Amino acid sequence: MRLTLQASALALLAAPALAQGSDTCATAPAIMGSGPFLFDCTTATTDGANDPTCLFFGNDQIFNDVWFSWTAADTGPHTVSACGITIGDSRIAIYEGGCGTAVTSCDDDGCPAGSLISEVTFSAVDGQAYLIRVGNYGDTPANPAMGDFTVSFTPPAQNPANGNYYAVVATNLSWSGANAEAQGTLFQGVPGHLATFTSQAEIDWALANLNVQRPWIGLSQNLNSPNYSEPAGGFEWVTGEPFAFDNWSPGEPSNNNQGQSEEFVEMFGNGAWNDATEVHGPTNQYIIEWEGNGSIGMNYCTANPNSTGSIGVMSGSGSAVAAANDFTVTASDLPPNQFGIFVASLDQGFVPNAGGTSNGNICLGGIIGRFFQQNQILSSGAMGEFSLQVPLTVIPQGNGSVAVMSGETWNFQAWHRDNVGQGSNFTDGLEVTFQ
């Protein structure tokens, strides 16, 4: 019997009965938020077909399942995890449509350290409902899964070297399934693709900032390419960019898996690559990459139009490495020849139509510092834009100043005067995580 016991989950055995999901998809209870949500497959039966795209190491079955209907409150990658808070051998599947639709993402043993517990990542859209199916391994209730799962929103990480965003999706999909799912995932209005790596520096950044276990990447072998040969010819990136850098594991590519050809590329946890069959159970993740606009940071919070009819937009450039002290913020699409300042806070907030002389929305919360020292009161000039190299060692906060530390997330916004008689306004907000 495959069984893993964990102390935190054992405590649940004595806990009072709570809502534990429905034995049928049609009656799945509605849940929201992050949880934890209690589930118990002890007396559950199996409801719903299994999907061959769930590559559970050659076994695609989910037995003795319970169902939940969860509604997203954010847009972007979300992770459903039972790691550390579940006993038994769990399996989790996510469905974007109603009962009977194809699976969106699924996982068998996705938790780290050889656990039999599940963790799956999928792309959610704010306000949309998703079905969460939790079951166990085996065809009888003899080895039930029971415990808690949580749902967490994980914003993509931005690589300051290229401005692109990345997210690891934990799921058992074929390479083609992962490729299609990545291309259908939007972030800030930009479609994603399986990640491409054109330098060792990009790989090193991914290993340091993403939970890389064994993901698919955007590299496959084109058998119709004029450069095709076995085992190493004809590999191409999904973006069409030149294949001028490789990081093959020793002995790879080998194009040999018990007589099956290997044309699709996964990355090991050490960053090295391996060619594999399209359907490859051990590959338990994929990496999505979204092309950035060259700006450091992530925009948030809607700005109100200013007197030009445009909304002021924030962007960042330079370096997000705190010790480099080389980060610049820019406010664009402003009314021309108006003065303004930048403001900063560790907290986000939202005060609509701030009132007084301002027509804008305040996107910061907590302690808000104003950059208004010499040379920090700026003019938008004829182009309607101003910039400030942020002194990361002396960010104004309250009656003093603080230095930005590695790992901190800061939020920036610009306040500006509008045309005569129209008061003032704010740009949108810019969220930046420093390294």
Protein backbone atom coordinates (compact mmCIF):
# COMPACT_ATOMS: atom_id res chain seq x y z
CA MET A 1 0.00 0.00 0.00
CA ARG A 2 1.31 3.45 -0.92
CA LEU A 3 0.78 5.66 2.11
CA THR A 4 2.51 8.74 3.48
CA LEU A 5 1.59 10.08 6.93
CA GLN A 6 2.39 13.61 8.06
CA ALA A 7 1.85 14.95 11.55
CA SER A 8 -0.17 17.99 10.53
CA ALA A 9 -2.50 15.83 8.48
CA LEU A 10 -2.91 13.21 11.21
CA ALA A 11 -4.31 15.91 13.47
CA LEU A 12 -7.17 16.29 11.00
CA LEU A 13 -8.40 12.80 11.83
CA ALA A 14 -9.66 14.10 15.16
CA ALA A 15 -10.98 17.38 13.76
CA PRO A 16 -14.73 18.09 13.61
CA ALA A 17 -16.46 17.34 10.31
CA LEU A 18 -16.50 20.29 7.92
CA ALA A 19 -17.57 20.78 4.31
CA GLN A 20 -15.52 18.16 2.50
CA GLY A 21 -16.55 18.45 -1.13
CA SER A 22 -19.24 16.62 -3.03
CA ASP A 23 -19.13 13.04 -4.25
CA THR A 24 -20.65 14.22 -7.55
CA CYS A 25 -19.48 16.95 -9.90
CA ALA A 26 -23.01 18.27 -10.43
CA THR A 27 -23.37 19.16 -6.74
CA ALA A 28 -19.86 20.56 -6.17
CA PRO A 29 -19.99 23.13 -3.33
CA ALA A 30 -18.90 26.69 -4.13
CA ILE A 31 -15.69 27.88 -2.47
CA MET A 32 -13.65 31.08 -2.76
CA GLY A 33 -10.40 32.41 -1.40
CA SER A 34 -7.26 30.49 -0.51
CA GLY A 35 -8.56 28.00 2.05
CA PRO A 36 -7.44 25.65 3.47
CA PHE A 37 -10.36 23.52 2.27
CA LEU A 38 -10.99 20.16 3.92
CA PHE A 39 -11.62 17.10 1.76
CA ASP A 40 -12.16 13.42 2.60
CA CYS A 41 -12.24 10.62 0.03
CA THR A 42 -12.75 7.86 2.63
CA THR A 43 -16.28 6.99 1.52
CA ALA A 44 -16.21 8.68 -1.89
CA THR A 45 -17.08 6.94 -5.13
CA THR A 46 -15.74 7.78 -8.60
CA ASP A 47 -17.65 10.37 -10.61
CA GLY A 48 -16.37 11.59 -13.97
CA ALA A 49 -14.22 10.23 -16.76
CA ASN A 50 -10.44 10.20 -16.69
CA ASP A 51 -8.38 12.11 -19.22
CA PRO A 52 -5.45 10.58 -21.12
CA THR A 53 -3.61 13.92 -21.02
CA CYS A 54 -3.09 13.41 -17.27
CA LEU A 55 0.20 11.57 -17.51
CA PHE A 56 0.33 9.87 -14.15
CA PHE A 57 3.39 7.79 -15.03
CA GLY A 58 1.34 5.60 -17.35
CA ASN A 59 -1.80 5.55 -15.17
CA ASP A 60 -4.35 8.28 -15.81
CA GLN A 61 -6.95 7.23 -13.27
CA ILE A 62 -8.49 9.32 -10.47
CA PHE A 63 -10.59 7.21 -8.10
CA ASN A 64 -12.86 7.91 -5.13
CA ASP A 65 -13.06 11.61 -5.88
CA VAL A 66 -14.72 14.67 -4.37
CA TRP A 67 -15.50 17.92 -6.20
CA PHE A 68 -15.41 21.65 -5.48
CA SER A 69 -16.36 24.73 -7.55
CA TRP A 70 -13.82 27.50 -6.91
CA THR A 71 -14.09 31.09 -8.25
CA ALA A 72 -10.94 33.11 -8.97
CA ALA A 73 -10.39 36.59 -7.57
CA ASP A 74 -7.23 37.31 -9.61
CA THR A 75 -5.99 36.70 -13.15
CA GLY A 76 -2.82 34.67 -13.53
CA PRO A 77 -1.15 31.46 -12.35
CA HIS A 78 -2.78 29.75 -9.34
CA THR A 79 -1.55 26.70 -7.44
CA VAL A 80 -3.79 24.10 -5.79
CA SER A 81 -1.64 22.32 -3.23
CA ALA A 82 -2.15 19.57 -0.68
CA CYS A 83 1.56 19.47 0.21
CA GLY A 84 2.25 18.79 3.87
CA ILE A 85 -1.42 18.82 4.91
CA THR A 86 -2.77 15.60 3.41
CA ILE A 87 -2.40 11.88 4.05
CA GLY A 88 -2.73 9.08 1.54
CA ASP A 89 -1.89 9.23 -2.16
CA SER A 90 -3.79 12.13 -3.69
CA ARG A 91 -4.48 13.26 -7.24
CA ILE A 92 -5.85 16.65 -8.30
CA ALA A 93 -7.40 17.77 -11.59
CA ILE A 94 -8.73 21.20 -12.66
CA TYR A 95 -11.56 21.77 -15.17
CA GLU A 96 -12.26 25.14 -16.77
CA GLY A 97 -15.66 24.16 -18.18
CA GLY A 98 -18.55 22.36 -16.55
CA CYS A 99 -18.91 18.71 -15.63
CA GLY A 100 -17.78 16.39 -18.39
CA THR A 101 -15.39 18.84 -20.05
CA ALA A 102 -11.72 18.16 -20.76
CA VAL A 103 -9.21 18.56 -17.96
CA THR A 104 -7.24 21.83 -17.82
CA SER A 105 -4.38 20.75 -15.54
CA CYS A 106 -3.70 17.75 -13.33
CA ASP A 107 -1.07 16.25 -11.04
CA ASP A 108 -0.20 13.04 -9.22
CA ASP A 109 2.93 13.33 -7.03
CA GLY A 110 3.84 16.99 -7.54
CA CYS A 111 4.90 17.87 -4.00
CA PRO A 112 8.66 17.86 -3.37
CA ALA A 113 10.85 15.30 -1.63
CA GLY A 114 9.30 12.23 -3.19
CA SER A 115 5.87 12.84 -1.69
CA LEU A 116 2.77 11.06 -2.98
CA ILE A 117 0.73 14.23 -2.45
CA SER A 118 -0.44 16.50 -5.26
CA GLU A 119 0.17 20.10 -6.29
CA VAL A 120 -1.08 21.54 -9.58
CA THR A 121 -0.78 24.98 -11.20
CA PHE A 122 -3.20 26.46 -13.73
CA SER A 123 -3.97 29.84 -15.26
CA ALA A 124 -7.13 31.43 -13.83
CA VAL A 125 -9.21 34.42 -14.91
CA ASP A 126 -10.72 36.77 -12.34
CA GLY A 127 -14.41 35.97 -11.75
CA GLN A 128 -14.39 32.62 -13.54
CA ALA A 129 -15.39 29.38 -11.78
CA TYR A 130 -13.24 26.22 -11.98
CA LEU A 131 -13.94 22.67 -10.90
CA ILE A 132 -11.38 21.14 -8.54
CA ARG A 133 -11.41 17.34 -8.43
CA VAL A 134 -9.51 15.62 -5.62
CA GLY A 135 -9.14 11.85 -5.62
CA ASN A 136 -6.78 9.08 -4.66
CA TYR A 137 -4.64 6.36 -6.22
CA GLY A 138 -6.17 2.88 -6.50
CA ASP A 139 -9.55 1.44 -7.39
CA THR A 140 -10.94 0.91 -3.88
CA PRO A 141 -11.32 3.16 -0.81
CA ALA A 142 -8.61 1.11 0.91
CA ASN A 143 -6.04 3.88 0.48
CA PRO A 144 -8.06 7.11 0.67
CA ALA A 145 -6.67 10.61 0.44
CA MET A 146 -7.86 13.05 3.09
CA GLY A 147 -6.74 16.39 4.46
CA ASP A 148 -6.62 19.97 3.23
CA PHE A 149 -5.73 21.79 0.06
CA THR A 150 -5.03 25.48 -0.50
CA VAL A 151 -5.37 27.73 -3.56
CA SER A 152 -2.75 30.46 -3.96
CA PHE A 153 -2.16 33.18 -6.56
CA THR A 154 1.46 33.36 -7.69
CA PRO A 155 2.26 36.38 -9.88
CA PRO A 156 4.89 35.65 -12.55
CA ALA A 157 8.49 36.53 -11.74
CA GLN A 158 10.25 39.08 -13.90
CA ASN A 159 13.81 38.61 -15.09
CA PRO A 160 15.39 42.07 -14.83
CA ALA A 161 17.94 41.18 -17.52
CA ASN A 162 15.36 40.92 -20.31
CA GLY A 163 12.12 42.27 -18.79
CA ASN A 164 10.25 39.02 -19.49
CA TYR A 165 7.94 37.25 -17.04
CA TYR A 166 8.04 33.55 -16.10
CA ALA A 167 5.88 31.08 -14.20
CA VAL A 168 6.25 27.37 -13.47
CA VAL A 169 3.10 25.33 -14.01
CA ALA A 170 3.03 22.07 -12.06
CA THR A 171 1.02 19.56 -14.10
CA ASN A 172 1.40 16.23 -15.90
CA LEU A 173 0.84 17.16 -19.56
CA SER A 174 2.39 16.10 -22.84
CA TRP A 175 4.77 18.56 -24.51
CA SER A 176 2.10 19.50 -27.06
CA GLY A 177 -0.51 19.91 -24.32
CA ALA A 178 1.81 22.15 -22.32
CA ASN A 179 2.70 24.13 -25.44
CA ALA A 180 -0.96 24.76 -26.28
CA GLU A 181 -1.80 25.72 -22.70
CA ALA A 182 1.15 28.13 -22.50
CA GLN A 183 0.15 29.84 -25.76
CA GLY A 184 -3.41 30.26 -24.49
CA THR A 185 -2.36 31.94 -21.24
CA LEU A 186 -2.49 35.74 -21.11
CA PHE A 187 -0.58 37.96 -18.70
CA GLN A 188 -1.05 41.74 -18.91
CA GLY A 189 -2.73 41.08 -22.25
CA VAL A 190 0.30 39.25 -23.71
CA PRO A 191 0.03 35.58 -24.76
CA GLY A 192 2.64 33.25 -23.33
CA HIS A 193 4.81 30.50 -24.80
CA LEU A 194 6.96 27.70 -23.45
CA ALA A 195 10.12 29.30 -22.11
CA THR A 196 13.19 29.68 -24.28
CA PHE A 197 16.73 29.90 -22.90
CA THR A 198 19.47 31.46 -25.00
CA SER A 199 22.21 31.83 -22.38
CA GLN A 200 23.50 30.23 -19.20
CA ALA A 201 22.62 33.46 -17.37
CA GLU A 202 18.93 32.96 -18.20
CA ILE A 203 19.06 29.38 -16.90
CA ASP A 204 20.84 30.48 -13.72
CA TRP A 205 18.18 33.12 -13.10
CA ALA A 206 15.40 30.56 -13.58
CA LEU A 207 17.00 28.12 -11.14
CA ALA A 208 17.40 30.88 -8.55
CA ASN A 209 13.92 32.37 -8.88
CA LEU A 210 11.57 29.58 -10.00
CA ASN A 211 10.65 26.23 -8.45
CA VAL A 212 12.24 24.17 -11.22
CA GLN A 213 11.88 20.41 -10.83
CA ARG A 214 11.49 18.80 -14.27
CA PRO A 215 9.67 21.12 -16.70
CA TRP A 216 9.06 21.17 -20.44
CA ILE A 217 10.74 24.08 -22.24
CA GLY A 218 9.99 25.53 -25.68
CA LEU A 219 12.44 23.40 -27.65
CA SER A 220 11.57 20.54 -30.01
CA GLN A 221 13.07 18.75 -32.99
CA ASN A 222 11.69 19.60 -36.45
CA LEU A 223 11.95 16.43 -38.53
CA ASN A 224 11.35 18.50 -41.69
CA SER A 225 14.12 20.97 -41.01
CA PRO A 226 16.98 21.10 -43.55
CA ASN A 227 19.25 20.84 -40.49
CA TYR A 228 17.56 17.67 -39.24
CA SER A 229 19.76 14.74 -38.28
CA GLU A 230 19.87 12.39 -35.35
CA PRO A 231 20.39 12.83 -32.56
CA ALA A 232 21.11 16.58 -32.37
CA GLY A 233 20.02 18.21 -35.63
CA GLY A 234 16.88 20.23 -36.28
CA PHE A 235 16.06 21.47 -32.79
CA GLU A 236 14.09 24.73 -32.86
CA TRP A 237 12.66 27.18 -30.34
CA VAL A 238 8.88 27.72 -30.40
CA THR A 239 9.47 31.46 -30.90
CA GLY A 240 11.56 30.98 -34.05
CA GLU A 241 14.60 32.66 -32.50
CA PRO A 242 17.98 31.18 -33.49
CA PHE A 243 19.06 27.98 -31.76
CA ALA A 244 22.58 29.17 -30.98
CA PHE A 245 22.95 28.01 -27.36
CA ASP A 246 22.39 24.61 -25.79
CA ASN A 247 22.75 23.08 -22.36
CA TRP A 248 22.41 19.33 -22.95
CA SER A 249 22.95 16.94 -20.08
CA PRO A 250 25.95 14.62 -20.66
CA GLY A 251 25.06 12.01 -23.26
CA GLU A 252 22.06 13.98 -24.52
CA PRO A 253 20.33 14.34 -26.88
CA SER A 254 20.21 10.58 -27.32
CA ASN A 255 16.99 10.03 -29.32
CA ASN A 256 16.55 6.72 -27.57
CA ASN A 257 13.80 5.69 -25.17
CA GLN A 258 13.18 1.96 -25.46
CA GLY A 259 12.91 2.22 -29.22
CA GLN A 260 10.81 5.43 -29.22
CA SER A 261 12.24 8.57 -30.81
CA GLU A 262 12.73 11.60 -28.58
CA GLU A 263 11.92 14.98 -30.13
CA PHE A 264 10.81 17.17 -27.20
CA VAL A 265 12.96 18.82 -24.54
CA GLU A 266 12.63 18.93 -20.77
CA MET A 267 14.93 20.64 -18.27
CA PHE A 268 16.27 18.92 -15.18
CA GLY A 269 16.43 20.59 -11.78
CA ASN A 270 20.10 21.46 -12.38
CA GLY A 271 19.26 23.33 -15.59
CA ALA A 272 20.55 20.67 -18.01
CA TRP A 273 18.37 19.52 -20.92
CA ASN A 274 17.14 16.10 -21.98
CA ASP A 275 15.31 15.02 -25.14
CA ALA A 276 12.19 12.97 -24.38
CA THR A 277 9.12 11.48 -25.98
CA GLU A 278 6.12 13.78 -26.35
CA VAL A 279 4.21 11.80 -23.72
CA HIS A 280 6.65 11.57 -20.83
CA GLY A 281 5.35 10.90 -17.34
CA PRO A 282 8.42 12.05 -15.33
CA THR A 283 8.11 15.59 -16.79
CA ASN A 284 5.89 17.16 -14.14
CA GLN A 285 6.00 20.89 -14.99
CA TYR A 286 6.32 23.41 -17.79
CA ILE A 287 7.62 26.98 -17.79
CA ILE A 288 5.60 29.80 -19.39
CA GLU A 289 7.37 32.92 -20.60
CA TRP A 290 5.63 36.20 -21.42
CA GLU A 291 7.53 38.78 -23.43
CA GLY A 292 7.86 42.04 -21.53
CA ASN A 293 7.92 45.52 -22.97
CA GLY A 294 11.41 46.17 -21.67
CA SER A 295 10.04 47.65 -18.46
CA ILE A 296 11.04 46.39 -15.03
CA GLY A 297 8.08 45.78 -12.73
CA MET A 298 4.40 44.98 -13.12
CA ASN A 299 1.72 47.61 -13.67
CA TYR A 300 -1.41 47.49 -11.53
CA CYS A 301 -4.33 49.74 -10.54
CA THR A 302 -6.37 51.63 -13.15
CA ALA A 303 -5.65 55.33 -13.65
CA ASN A 304 -8.27 57.91 -14.63
CA PRO A 305 -7.86 59.78 -17.93
CA ASN A 306 -6.12 63.14 -17.68
CA SER A 307 -6.97 66.27 -19.70
CA THR A 308 -5.36 64.83 -22.85
CA GLY A 309 -7.76 61.87 -22.78
CA SER A 310 -4.90 59.46 -21.99
CA ILE A 311 -4.07 57.70 -18.74
CA GLY A 312 -0.67 58.21 -17.17
CA VAL A 313 1.47 55.06 -17.31
CA MET A 314 4.37 54.01 -15.10
CA SER A 315 7.42 52.05 -16.27
CA GLY A 316 10.77 51.05 -14.80
CA SER A 317 14.22 50.59 -16.32
CA GLY A 318 17.80 49.94 -15.30
CA SER A 319 18.29 47.20 -12.74
CA ALA A 320 16.05 45.56 -10.11
CA VAL A 321 19.15 44.54 -8.11
CA ALA A 322 18.95 46.63 -4.95
CA ALA A 323 22.72 46.76 -4.42
CA ALA A 324 23.25 48.16 -7.94
CA ASN A 325 21.25 51.30 -7.06
CA ASP A 326 20.46 51.79 -10.76
CA PHE A 327 16.67 51.85 -11.06
CA THR A 328 14.71 54.56 -12.88
CA VAL A 329 10.96 55.18 -12.89
CA THR A 330 9.23 56.98 -15.76
CA ALA A 331 5.73 58.47 -15.99
CA SER A 332 4.42 58.75 -19.57
CA ASP A 333 1.30 59.95 -21.42
CA LEU A 334 0.99 63.02 -19.19
CA PRO A 335 -0.28 66.48 -20.11
CA PRO A 336 2.66 68.48 -21.52
CA ASN A 337 4.59 71.03 -19.47
CA GLN A 338 3.09 70.07 -16.10
CA PHE A 339 5.08 69.41 -12.94
CA GLY A 340 4.81 66.37 -10.74
CA ILE A 341 6.54 64.02 -8.31
CA PHE A 342 6.88 60.30 -7.69
CA VAL A 343 5.59 58.59 -4.56
CA ALA A 344 6.46 55.17 -3.11
CA SER A 345 5.22 52.67 -0.55
CA LEU A 346 5.74 49.08 0.54
CA ASP A 347 1.95 48.66 0.45
CA GLN A 348 -0.67 48.79 -2.27
CA GLY A 349 -4.07 50.40 -1.84
CA PHE A 350 -6.84 51.97 -3.85
CA VAL A 351 -8.56 55.28 -3.16
CA PRO A 352 -10.71 56.17 -6.19
CA ASN A 353 -11.19 59.79 -7.24
CA ALA A 354 -9.05 60.96 -4.35
CA GLY A 355 -10.86 64.29 -4.06
CA GLY A 356 -9.56 67.74 -3.23
CA THR A 357 -7.67 69.04 -6.23
CA SER A 358 -7.02 65.55 -7.62
CA ASN A 359 -9.12 63.65 -10.12
CA GLY A 360 -6.97 60.52 -9.86
CA ASN A 361 -6.85 57.21 -8.02
CA ILE A 362 -4.31 56.62 -5.28
CA CYS A 363 -2.79 53.17 -5.80
CA LEU A 364 -0.62 53.08 -2.68
CA GLY A 365 -1.39 52.27 0.95
CA GLY A 366 0.40 52.30 4.29
CA ILE A 367 3.20 54.83 4.66
CA ILE A 368 3.57 56.82 1.43
CA GLY A 369 6.81 58.67 0.81
CA ARG A 370 7.16 61.62 -1.58
CA PHE A 371 10.24 62.34 -3.70
CA PHE A 372 10.31 66.12 -3.44
CA GLN A 373 13.92 66.97 -2.68
CA GLN A 374 16.09 69.11 -4.96
CA ASN A 375 15.92 67.87 -8.57
CA GLN A 376 13.02 65.54 -7.71
CA ILE A 377 10.20 67.98 -8.61
CA LEU A 378 9.90 67.30 -12.31
CA SER A 379 8.30 68.69 -15.47
CA SER A 380 6.59 66.60 -18.15
CA GLY A 381 7.95 68.91 -20.87
CA ALA A 382 6.72 68.94 -24.44
CA MET A 383 6.71 65.12 -24.60
CA GLY A 384 4.45 64.66 -21.56
CA GLU A 385 6.93 62.49 -19.67
CA PHE A 386 9.29 62.69 -16.70
CA SER A 387 11.74 60.27 -15.06
CA LEU A 388 13.66 59.85 -11.82
CA GLN A 389 16.59 57.63 -10.96
CA VAL A 390 15.34 56.35 -7.64
CA PRO A 391 17.87 56.64 -4.79
CA LEU A 392 17.37 53.09 -3.47
CA THR A 393 19.41 53.83 -0.34
CA VAL A 394 17.15 56.71 0.77
CA ILE A 395 13.50 56.00 -0.07
CA PRO A 396 11.38 58.62 1.77
CA GLN A 397 9.08 57.06 4.37
CA GLY A 398 7.28 59.09 7.02
CA ASN A 399 9.68 61.50 8.68
CA GLY A 400 12.79 59.68 7.49
CA SER A 401 14.05 57.36 4.81
CA VAL A 402 14.88 53.67 4.37
CA ALA A 403 17.04 51.61 2.04
CA VAL A 404 15.54 49.07 -0.32
CA MET A 405 16.50 45.54 0.67
CA SER A 406 16.83 42.48 -1.55
CA GLY A 407 13.55 40.55 -1.62
CA GLU A 408 11.37 43.59 -0.88
CA THR A 409 8.50 44.61 -3.17
CA TRP A 410 7.99 48.36 -3.57
CA ASN A 411 5.17 50.21 -5.29
CA PHE A 412 5.59 53.47 -7.22
CA GLN A 413 3.19 56.03 -8.66
CA ALA A 414 3.38 59.57 -10.07
CA TRP A 415 1.26 62.56 -9.12
CA HIS A 416 1.11 65.41 -11.63
CA ARG A 417 -0.63 68.70 -12.25
CA ASP A 418 -3.14 68.72 -15.07
CA ASN A 419 -3.97 71.58 -17.43
CA VAL A 420 -5.10 74.89 -15.98
CA GLY A 421 -8.41 74.55 -14.13
CA GLN A 422 -8.35 70.73 -14.14
CA GLY A 423 -6.53 70.10 -10.85
CA SER A 424 -4.19 67.12 -10.74
CA ASN A 425 -4.13 63.40 -11.44
CA PHE A 426 -2.20 60.17 -10.82
CA THR A 427 -0.69 57.54 -13.09
CA ASP A 428 -1.28 53.83 -12.60
CA GLY A 429 0.92 51.93 -10.14
CA LEU A 430 4.16 49.98 -10.70
CA GLU A 431 5.06 47.00 -8.50
CA VAL A 432 8.77 46.09 -8.41
CA THR A 433 10.40 43.21 -6.52
CA PHE A 434 14.08 43.93 -5.91
CA GLN A 435 16.80 41.30 -5.78
